[in-house]
């Protein structure tokens, strides 16, 4: 028998995988964790896929260094701290489950925290370098293979782990990628877990091997509207495919643009000056620039209606408010719309003022109305229907602590994401690595549209070229 063919170039090699469970579970974990409307609405969208690229210490690159032993020790520390983190975030070690009965008709989806093999942990390798990942203008497609659960939707969490960690070893660096079921939590929840895992890893490095008391423990109790304490019955009593949809992205370019703190301060000053106000925020000003410039690159007719959606965190908007550490979904895709001619003719301040008004009007009353309406008429988000090609969608947030996550390798070099939620007009906002109010925007557009955006003088004047 001939030897197996070598793997193709730029192909991630799976080395090992296993499942990680918390060291123990609280007594109430054997009860179903019922999901409220904001969670259930996510059943047909992708997992959240975000990760960090860390440099290997210089001595690891020396010819005589025992790199396999170093990597083995590093992975064992990651597994031990991950297990401890799952003690605090035990639903992530569970699986989705469905309870269905016919008389009376009842169908609900919940998290089974007791009967599960745990979260998945993968060790992989790739013969590439930091320069191969970060130097190209566009994000290389191989980055998508740094994440598990590629192209799956949250409903698949019935059979797949709700959290998967993939550690990809590169020639001079390590990428730690997390895939988390979006029905369990939003971006705030995702980064709370990532931050907590990092906090536990660092505590264990200092010799604290018992249960680490987190500085920001998660609030796992789900929020339900009054008079709807759960479980919520869904009208889907037959084949789940009747309410689910799979989404395949078109051909896209994905590029990360950097905006310095000074550039964003200038945009904010310009927007407020044009409107004669001081209440427009930095992020609203930056989003207004994006909306205008991407719309111009698309060459829509002046009468076409275009939209801008922003992922709004609802925790502080509810009355009474939810804890900032609420672990679950509490976001709304807040939409603003205008005709193309108005958007491009009105100036940066005009667009920013529209966005500001939408955010200011996002109230407790509207949130409760949305929940009440959803319970009467449940429906899940379908990416091809919720997000259209005439709009942009700005997700994630530069406020999340992303570069504060350290696992004994120092500060991360960059943040990258997987295939999930990539479509024409999707923008993800991250803090710039240098901090101070700088922002990185990960933008996904068809090749022709991206080329026109790169030639847009208004847009590129604000971009900081490193």
Protein backbone atom coordinates (compact mmCIF):
# COMPACT_ATOMS: atom_id res chain seq x y z
CA UNK A 1 0.00 0.00 0.00
CA UNK A 2 1.36 3.40 -0.95
CA UNK A 3 1.87 5.98 1.80
CA UNK A 4 -0.89 8.57 2.26
CA UNK A 5 -0.59 11.74 0.23
CA UNK A 6 0.67 14.79 2.10
CA UNK A 7 -1.96 17.36 3.03
CA UNK A 8 -2.46 20.23 0.57
CA UNK A 9 -0.68 23.51 1.36
CA UNK A 10 -2.36 25.90 3.80
CA UNK A 11 -4.50 23.11 5.25
CA UNK A 12 -5.18 22.92 8.98
CA UNK A 13 -4.23 19.52 10.41
CA UNK A 14 -6.29 18.08 13.24
CA UNK A 15 -3.95 16.70 15.92
CA UNK A 16 -6.35 15.81 18.73
CA UNK A 17 -9.73 16.60 20.19
CA UNK A 18 -11.54 15.84 23.42
CA UNK A 19 -14.39 17.10 25.57
CA UNK A 20 -14.00 19.18 28.72
CA UNK A 21 -16.48 19.18 31.60
CA UNK A 22 -16.64 21.35 34.71
CA UNK A 23 -15.11 19.72 37.82
CA UNK A 24 -18.57 19.71 39.39
CA UNK A 25 -22.06 20.97 38.69
CA UNK A 26 -24.35 22.95 41.01
CA UNK A 27 -27.35 21.00 42.38
CA UNK A 28 -29.89 22.88 40.23
CA UNK A 29 -28.03 22.10 36.99
CA UNK A 30 -30.08 18.92 36.57
CA UNK A 31 -33.10 21.11 35.80
CA UNK A 32 -33.81 22.30 32.22
CA UNK A 33 -32.53 25.80 31.48
CA UNK A 34 -35.44 27.33 29.59
CA UNK A 35 -34.74 29.95 26.95
CA UNK A 36 -36.59 33.28 26.60
CA UNK A 37 -37.55 34.95 23.27
CA UNK A 38 -34.23 36.71 22.64
CA UNK A 39 -32.46 33.33 22.86
CA UNK A 40 -34.98 31.31 20.88
CA UNK A 41 -34.99 33.86 18.06
CA UNK A 42 -31.35 32.88 17.41
CA UNK A 43 -31.98 29.21 16.63
CA UNK A 44 -31.45 29.55 12.88
CA UNK A 45 -28.33 31.75 12.83
CA UNK A 46 -24.68 30.77 13.21
CA UNK A 47 -22.54 30.24 16.28
CA UNK A 48 -20.41 33.21 17.39
CA UNK A 49 -16.85 32.63 16.12
CA UNK A 50 -14.10 34.94 17.41
CA UNK A 51 -10.49 34.29 18.30
CA UNK A 52 -7.12 35.81 19.13
CA UNK A 53 -3.70 35.35 17.55
CA UNK A 54 -0.91 35.16 20.13
CA UNK A 55 2.85 35.27 19.46
CA UNK A 56 5.00 32.40 20.64
CA UNK A 57 7.82 33.46 22.99
CA UNK A 58 11.07 33.97 21.03
CA UNK A 59 12.82 31.08 22.78
CA UNK A 60 10.17 28.70 21.40
CA UNK A 61 11.59 29.34 17.93
CA UNK A 62 15.15 28.30 18.83
CA UNK A 63 16.27 25.12 17.01
CA UNK A 64 17.13 23.25 20.23
CA UNK A 65 13.99 24.18 22.15
CA UNK A 66 11.63 21.34 23.15
CA UNK A 67 8.58 22.80 21.50
CA UNK A 68 6.34 19.71 21.77
CA UNK A 69 6.77 19.71 25.55
CA UNK A 70 5.95 23.44 25.71
CA UNK A 71 2.82 23.00 23.60
CA UNK A 72 1.69 19.99 25.65
CA UNK A 73 2.06 21.96 28.89
CA UNK A 74 0.26 24.96 27.39
CA UNK A 75 -2.67 22.83 26.21
CA UNK A 76 -3.00 21.14 29.59
CA UNK A 77 -3.16 24.55 31.29
CA UNK A 78 -5.83 25.67 28.82
CA UNK A 79 -7.88 22.54 29.48
CA UNK A 80 -7.59 22.87 33.26
CA UNK A 81 -8.61 26.54 33.24
CA UNK A 82 -11.39 25.85 30.72
CA UNK A 83 -12.82 23.18 33.02
CA UNK A 84 -12.77 25.68 35.89
CA UNK A 85 -14.42 28.34 33.71
CA UNK A 86 -17.20 25.91 32.83
CA UNK A 87 -17.96 25.57 36.54
CA UNK A 88 -19.09 29.20 36.43
CA UNK A 89 -20.64 28.94 32.94
CA UNK A 90 -21.97 25.39 33.18
CA UNK A 91 -24.69 25.76 30.46
CA UNK A 92 -21.87 25.95 27.88
CA UNK A 93 -20.99 22.35 28.74
CA UNK A 94 -24.55 21.23 27.96
CA UNK A 95 -26.60 20.49 24.85
CA UNK A 96 -29.89 21.73 23.47
CA UNK A 97 -32.87 19.44 23.94
CA UNK A 98 -36.48 19.48 22.79
CA UNK A 99 -39.54 18.58 24.81
CA UNK A 100 -42.57 17.77 22.67
CA UNK A 101 -46.03 16.53 23.52
CA UNK A 102 -49.24 16.31 21.54
CA UNK A 103 -51.99 16.60 24.15
CA UNK A 104 -52.08 19.44 24.81
CA UNK A 105 -49.71 20.53 22.01
CA UNK A 106 -46.41 21.68 23.49
CA UNK A 107 -42.98 22.14 21.92
CA UNK A 108 -40.08 23.83 23.66
CA UNK A 109 -36.31 23.95 23.31
CA UNK A 110 -34.11 24.18 26.40
CA UNK A 111 -30.54 23.58 27.57
CA UNK A 112 -29.83 20.19 29.12
CA UNK A 113 -26.89 20.86 31.43
CA UNK A 114 -26.69 17.41 32.99
CA UNK A 115 -26.55 14.92 30.12
CA UNK A 116 -23.66 16.03 27.89
CA UNK A 117 -20.04 15.12 27.15
CA UNK A 118 -19.08 18.78 27.69
CA UNK A 119 -17.38 21.47 25.61
CA UNK A 120 -15.15 20.41 22.72
CA UNK A 121 -11.41 21.13 22.75
CA UNK A 122 -9.38 20.79 19.54
CA UNK A 123 -5.63 20.99 18.91
CA UNK A 124 -4.71 21.69 15.29
CA UNK A 125 -1.67 22.93 13.37
CA UNK A 126 -0.93 24.92 10.23
CA UNK A 127 2.35 25.59 8.42
CA UNK A 128 1.90 29.36 8.22
CA UNK A 129 3.22 32.40 10.05
CA UNK A 130 1.89 35.60 11.60
CA UNK A 131 2.92 37.44 8.44
CA UNK A 132 0.92 34.99 6.29
CA UNK A 133 -2.19 35.76 8.34
CA UNK A 134 -1.85 39.50 8.92
CA UNK A 135 0.13 40.87 5.98
CA UNK A 136 -2.31 40.28 3.09
CA UNK A 137 -4.74 43.11 2.39
CA UNK A 138 -7.68 40.76 2.81
CA UNK A 139 -8.18 38.27 5.62
CA UNK A 140 -7.02 34.90 4.18
CA UNK A 141 -9.78 32.33 3.75
CA UNK A 142 -7.74 29.81 5.77
CA UNK A 143 -8.60 31.79 8.93
CA UNK A 144 -12.11 30.34 8.74
CA UNK A 145 -10.60 26.90 9.41
CA UNK A 146 -9.32 28.16 12.79
CA UNK A 147 -12.84 27.60 14.15
CA UNK A 148 -14.94 24.53 14.81
CA UNK A 149 -18.66 24.32 13.95
CA UNK A 150 -18.17 25.82 10.52
CA UNK A 151 -21.49 26.83 8.90
CA UNK A 152 -23.64 25.10 11.51
CA UNK A 153 -26.63 26.87 13.03
CA UNK A 154 -27.53 27.12 16.70
CA UNK A 155 -30.31 24.52 16.48
CA UNK A 156 -27.53 22.01 15.67
CA UNK A 157 -26.56 22.35 19.33
CA UNK A 158 -28.90 19.41 19.94
CA UNK A 159 -26.09 17.17 18.67
CA UNK A 160 -23.01 19.43 18.74
CA UNK A 161 -21.21 21.05 21.63
CA UNK A 162 -22.50 24.48 22.63
CA UNK A 163 -18.92 25.68 23.06
CA UNK A 164 -15.90 24.58 21.09
CA UNK A 165 -12.31 25.76 21.54
CA UNK A 166 -9.83 25.25 18.72
CA UNK A 167 -6.16 25.92 19.43
CA UNK A 168 -4.29 26.17 16.12
CA UNK A 169 -0.51 26.00 16.34
CA UNK A 170 1.28 28.06 13.67
CA UNK A 171 4.99 28.28 12.93
CA UNK A 172 5.52 31.32 15.18
CA UNK A 173 2.21 31.81 16.95
CA UNK A 174 -0.93 30.24 18.38
CA UNK A 175 -4.52 31.06 17.50
CA UNK A 176 -7.21 30.45 20.14
CA UNK A 177 -10.62 30.38 18.47
CA UNK A 178 -13.95 30.03 20.27
CA UNK A 179 -17.25 28.97 18.72
CA UNK A 180 -20.20 29.58 21.05
CA UNK A 181 -23.84 28.77 20.41
CA UNK A 182 -25.58 32.11 19.84
CA UNK A 183 -28.82 30.83 21.39
CA UNK A 184 -26.99 30.78 24.73
CA UNK A 185 -25.57 34.27 24.61
CA UNK A 186 -24.71 37.40 22.65
CA UNK A 187 -21.40 39.20 22.17
CA UNK A 188 -21.46 40.58 25.71
CA UNK A 189 -21.86 37.03 27.04
CA UNK A 190 -19.21 35.64 24.68
CA UNK A 191 -16.53 38.09 25.82
CA UNK A 192 -17.56 37.75 29.48
CA UNK A 193 -16.77 34.06 29.15
CA UNK A 194 -13.51 34.69 27.28
CA UNK A 195 -12.45 37.28 29.90
CA UNK A 196 -13.35 34.91 32.75
CA UNK A 197 -11.42 32.03 31.19
CA UNK A 198 -8.37 34.30 30.89
CA UNK A 199 -8.79 35.44 34.49
CA UNK A 200 -8.88 31.85 35.71
CA UNK A 201 -5.86 30.87 33.59
CA UNK A 202 -3.82 33.71 35.08
CA UNK A 203 -4.96 32.87 38.64
CA UNK A 204 -3.94 29.25 38.19
CA UNK A 205 -0.56 30.36 36.88
CA UNK A 206 -0.14 32.10 40.25
CA UNK A 207 -0.91 28.87 42.11
CA UNK A 208 -4.64 29.30 42.81
CA UNK A 209 -5.90 25.82 41.97
CA UNK A 210 -9.18 25.83 43.88
CA UNK A 211 -12.33 27.45 42.50
CA UNK A 212 -11.37 30.95 41.32
CA UNK A 213 -13.72 33.69 42.48
CA UNK A 214 -14.36 35.74 39.35
CA UNK A 215 -14.24 39.52 39.42
CA UNK A 216 -17.36 39.54 37.20
CA UNK A 217 -19.35 36.35 37.83
CA UNK A 218 -22.04 35.65 35.23
CA UNK A 219 -25.75 35.98 35.99
CA UNK A 220 -27.15 32.75 34.53
CA UNK A 221 -30.81 33.21 35.48
CA UNK A 222 -32.70 33.92 32.28
CA UNK A 223 -34.84 37.06 31.94
CA UNK A 224 -38.44 36.45 30.90
CA UNK A 225 -41.13 39.11 30.40
CA UNK A 226 -43.62 39.43 33.22
CA UNK A 227 -46.40 36.82 33.08
CA UNK A 228 -44.17 34.60 30.92
CA UNK A 229 -41.79 32.92 33.34
CA UNK A 230 -41.20 30.04 30.90
CA UNK A 231 -41.03 27.58 29.37
CA UNK A 232 -42.27 29.10 26.10
CA UNK A 233 -44.16 26.80 23.78
CA UNK A 234 -43.28 27.07 20.10
CA UNK A 235 -45.72 26.32 17.27
CA UNK A 236 -43.27 23.97 15.57
CA UNK A 237 -44.51 20.49 16.38
CA UNK A 238 -43.20 18.58 13.36
CA UNK A 239 -39.99 18.78 11.33
CA UNK A 240 -37.64 21.52 12.69
CA UNK A 241 -36.70 22.36 9.09
CA UNK A 242 -40.10 24.04 8.81
CA UNK A 243 -38.77 27.02 10.76
CA UNK A 244 -35.01 26.77 10.19
CA UNK A 245 -32.93 28.03 7.27
CA UNK A 246 -29.31 27.51 6.21
CA UNK A 247 -27.40 30.46 4.80
CA UNK A 248 -24.50 30.38 2.34
CA UNK A 249 -22.61 33.62 1.81
CA UNK A 250 -21.85 34.85 -1.70
CA UNK A 251 -18.28 35.50 -2.84
CA UNK A 252 -16.94 38.14 -0.48
CA UNK A 253 -13.79 40.01 0.32
CA UNK A 254 -13.10 40.45 4.01
CA UNK A 255 -10.79 43.25 5.10
CA UNK A 256 -9.94 44.88 8.43
CA UNK A 257 -9.68 48.68 8.39
CA UNK A 258 -8.06 50.55 11.27
CA UNK A 259 -9.31 53.89 12.62
CA UNK A 260 -7.12 55.75 15.09
CA UNK A 261 -8.56 57.48 18.13
CA UNK A 262 -7.74 60.86 16.56
CA UNK A 263 -9.56 59.97 13.35
CA UNK A 264 -12.69 58.94 15.24
CA UNK A 265 -12.55 62.07 17.39
CA UNK A 266 -12.46 64.08 14.17
CA UNK A 267 -15.50 62.27 12.77
CA UNK A 268 -17.43 62.89 15.98
CA UNK A 269 -16.54 66.60 15.96
CA UNK A 270 -17.55 66.91 12.30
CA UNK A 271 -20.91 65.17 12.79
CA UNK A 272 -21.82 67.23 15.85
CA UNK A 273 -20.67 70.47 14.22
CA UNK A 274 -22.84 69.82 11.16
CA UNK A 275 -25.88 69.23 13.38
CA UNK A 276 -25.17 71.96 15.91
CA UNK A 277 -25.22 69.48 18.77
CA UNK A 278 -22.93 67.55 21.12
CA UNK A 279 -24.97 64.38 21.65
CA UNK A 280 -23.81 62.29 18.67
CA UNK A 281 -21.38 59.60 19.84
CA UNK A 282 -18.08 58.54 18.34
CA UNK A 283 -19.47 55.19 17.25
CA UNK A 284 -22.59 56.73 15.70
CA UNK A 285 -20.32 59.05 13.71
CA UNK A 286 -18.12 56.17 12.53
CA UNK A 287 -21.19 54.08 11.61
CA UNK A 288 -22.64 57.00 9.66
CA UNK A 289 -19.41 57.20 7.65
CA UNK A 290 -19.62 53.48 6.90
CA UNK A 291 -23.27 53.62 5.88
CA UNK A 292 -22.69 56.52 3.50
CA UNK A 293 -19.50 55.20 1.90
CA UNK A 294 -20.65 51.60 1.43
CA UNK A 295 -23.94 52.85 -0.02
CA UNK A 296 -22.04 55.08 -2.45
CA UNK A 297 -19.84 52.14 -3.49
CA UNK A 298 -22.93 50.08 -4.27
CA UNK A 299 -24.18 52.59 -6.86
CA UNK A 300 -27.83 52.32 -5.88
CA UNK A 301 -30.33 54.73 -7.51
CA UNK A 302 -31.27 57.79 -5.41
CA UNK A 303 -34.80 56.48 -4.77
CA UNK A 304 -33.63 53.14 -3.34
CA UNK A 305 -34.26 52.71 0.40
CA UNK A 306 -31.13 51.67 2.28
CA UNK A 307 -30.88 50.60 5.90
CA UNK A 308 -28.31 50.54 8.66
CA UNK A 309 -28.68 48.04 11.47
CA UNK A 310 -26.73 48.21 14.72
CA UNK A 311 -26.66 45.49 17.38
CA UNK A 312 -28.08 47.31 20.41
CA UNK A 313 -27.37 45.95 23.90
CA UNK A 314 -30.67 45.95 25.82
CA UNK A 315 -29.37 45.25 29.33
CA UNK A 316 -29.33 48.85 30.55
CA UNK A 317 -32.44 49.81 28.57
CA UNK A 318 -34.81 47.49 30.42
CA UNK A 319 -36.57 48.82 33.51
CA UNK A 320 -35.44 47.45 35.89
CA UNK A 321 -32.14 46.97 34.06
CA UNK A 322 -30.37 43.65 33.68
CA UNK A 323 -26.95 43.12 35.17
CA UNK A 324 -24.04 43.92 32.81
CA UNK A 325 -22.98 40.31 33.52
CA UNK A 326 -26.33 38.86 32.38
CA UNK A 327 -25.38 35.71 30.45
CA UNK A 328 -27.80 35.28 27.58
CA UNK A 329 -29.05 37.20 24.59
CA UNK A 330 -30.17 40.75 25.20
CA UNK A 331 -29.65 42.45 21.85
CA UNK A 332 -31.81 43.91 19.10
CA UNK A 333 -30.79 44.66 15.49
CA UNK A 334 -31.81 48.31 15.58
CA UNK A 335 -32.67 49.55 12.05
CA UNK A 336 -32.46 53.04 10.57
CA UNK A 337 -33.52 53.68 6.96
CA UNK A 338 -33.29 56.45 4.39
CA UNK A 339 -33.40 56.91 0.64
CA UNK A 340 -29.98 56.77 -1.00
CA UNK A 341 -30.29 60.30 -2.38
CA UNK A 342 -31.04 61.69 1.08
CA UNK A 343 -28.25 59.70 2.73
CA UNK A 344 -25.55 60.77 0.27
CA UNK A 345 -26.79 64.34 -0.03
CA UNK A 346 -27.30 65.03 3.65
CA UNK A 347 -23.75 64.81 4.90
CA UNK A 348 -22.11 62.87 7.74
CA UNK A 349 -24.01 64.72 10.48
CA UNK A 350 -27.38 64.10 8.85
CA UNK A 351 -26.78 60.33 8.80
CA UNK A 352 -25.31 60.30 12.33
CA UNK A 353 -28.31 62.19 13.67
CA UNK A 354 -30.63 59.54 12.23
CA UNK A 355 -28.66 56.81 13.97
CA UNK A 356 -28.61 58.77 17.23
CA UNK A 357 -32.40 59.21 17.12
CA UNK A 358 -32.90 55.46 16.61
CA UNK A 359 -30.69 54.62 19.58
CA UNK A 360 -32.32 57.26 21.79
CA UNK A 361 -35.79 55.89 20.99
CA UNK A 362 -34.84 52.30 21.84
CA UNK A 363 -36.80 52.14 25.08
CA UNK A 364 -37.96 49.73 27.76
CA UNK A 365 -41.51 49.95 26.36
CA UNK A 366 -40.37 48.91 22.87
CA UNK A 367 -38.35 46.00 24.24
CA UNK A 368 -41.27 44.66 26.22
CA UNK A 369 -43.59 45.12 23.26
CA UNK A 370 -41.17 43.10 21.09
CA UNK A 371 -41.13 40.26 23.63
CA UNK A 372 -44.91 40.21 24.01
CA UNK A 373 -45.40 40.16 20.24
CA UNK A 374 -42.81 37.40 19.84
CA UNK A 375 -44.50 35.13 22.36
CA UNK A 376 -47.78 35.53 20.48
CA UNK A 377 -46.12 34.93 17.08
CA UNK A 378 -42.74 33.19 17.57
CA UNK A 379 -40.28 33.39 14.69
CA UNK A 380 -36.54 32.93 14.36
CA UNK A 381 -34.09 35.16 12.55
CA UNK A 382 -33.27 34.03 9.00
CA UNK A 383 -30.11 35.75 7.81
CA UNK A 384 -31.26 35.97 4.20
CA UNK A 385 -34.46 37.73 5.29
CA UNK A 386 -33.34 39.73 8.32
CA UNK A 387 -30.37 41.30 6.48
CA UNK A 388 -30.84 42.55 2.92
CA UNK A 389 -28.29 43.57 0.30
CA UNK A 390 -29.44 47.21 0.39
CA UNK A 391 -28.35 47.62 4.01
CA UNK A 392 -25.36 47.25 6.28
CA UNK A 393 -25.27 45.51 9.65
CA UNK A 394 -22.81 46.61 12.33
CA UNK A 395 -22.24 43.99 15.01
CA UNK A 396 -19.89 43.28 17.90
CA UNK A 397 -18.52 46.28 19.81
CA UNK A 398 -15.23 48.11 20.40
CA UNK A 399 -16.24 48.34 24.05
CA UNK A 400 -15.69 44.63 24.70
CA UNK A 401 -12.42 43.75 26.44
CA UNK A 402 -10.85 41.63 23.74
CA UNK A 403 -7.14 42.34 24.03
CA UNK A 404 -7.18 41.92 27.82
CA UNK A 405 -7.36 38.14 27.35
CA UNK A 406 -3.96 36.61 28.04
CA UNK A 407 -2.90 32.98 28.40
CA UNK A 408 0.74 33.24 29.32
CA UNK A 409 1.77 34.40 25.84
CA UNK A 410 1.41 38.13 26.30
CA UNK A 411 -1.01 40.42 24.51
CA UNK A 412 -2.67 39.14 21.35
CA UNK A 413 -1.45 40.43 18.00
CA UNK A 414 -4.84 40.52 16.33
CA UNK A 415 -8.46 39.42 16.52
CA UNK A 416 -10.09 37.45 13.72
CA UNK A 417 -13.45 35.76 13.15
CA UNK A 418 -14.79 32.70 11.35
CA UNK A 419 -17.31 32.15 8.57
CA UNK A 420 -20.27 32.89 10.82
CA UNK A 421 -22.54 35.83 10.00
CA UNK A 422 -20.58 36.93 6.94
CA UNK A 423 -22.73 38.49 4.21
CA UNK A 424 -22.75 41.49 1.88
CA UNK A 425 -22.62 44.55 4.13
CA UNK A 426 -21.70 42.87 7.43
CA UNK A 427 -19.38 44.96 9.59
CA UNK A 428 -17.89 43.84 12.93
CA UNK A 429 -16.41 46.46 15.26
CA UNK A 430 -13.41 45.62 17.45
CA UNK A 431 -11.17 47.73 19.66
CA UNK A 432 -7.86 48.64 18.08
CA UNK A 433 -4.92 46.78 19.57
CA UNK A 434 -3.35 49.99 20.88
CA UNK A 435 -6.54 50.93 22.73
CA UNK A 436 -7.25 54.56 23.55
CA UNK A 437 -10.50 54.63 21.60
CA UNK A 438 -9.11 53.25 18.33
CA UNK A 439 -11.35 50.88 16.37
CA UNK A 440 -10.87 48.08 13.85
CA UNK A 441 -13.71 47.40 11.44
CA UNK A 442 -13.98 44.01 9.77
CA UNK A 443 -15.95 44.66 6.56
CA UNK A 444 -17.40 42.03 4.21
CA UNK A 445 -18.37 43.07 0.67
CA UNK A 446 -18.41 41.57 -2.82
CA UNK A 447 -15.08 42.15 -4.60
CA UNK A 448 -16.33 44.90 -6.93
CA UNK A 449 -17.98 46.83 -4.10
CA UNK A 450 -14.91 46.50 -1.87
CA UNK A 451 -12.70 47.89 -4.63
CA UNK A 452 -14.96 50.95 -4.91
CA UNK A 453 -14.93 51.43 -1.13
CA UNK A 454 -11.13 51.31 -1.17
CA UNK A 455 -11.20 54.11 -3.78
CA UNK A 456 -13.68 56.25 -1.81
CA UNK A 457 -11.84 59.39 -0.72
CA UNK A 458 -14.18 60.18 2.19
CA UNK A 459 -13.76 56.71 3.63
CA UNK A 460 -10.03 56.30 3.08
CA UNK A 461 -9.32 59.76 4.50
CA UNK A 462 -10.51 58.44 7.87
CA UNK A 463 -8.68 55.09 7.67
CA UNK A 464 -5.31 54.90 9.40
CA UNK A 465 -2.78 53.13 7.18
CA UNK A 466 -0.18 51.32 9.27
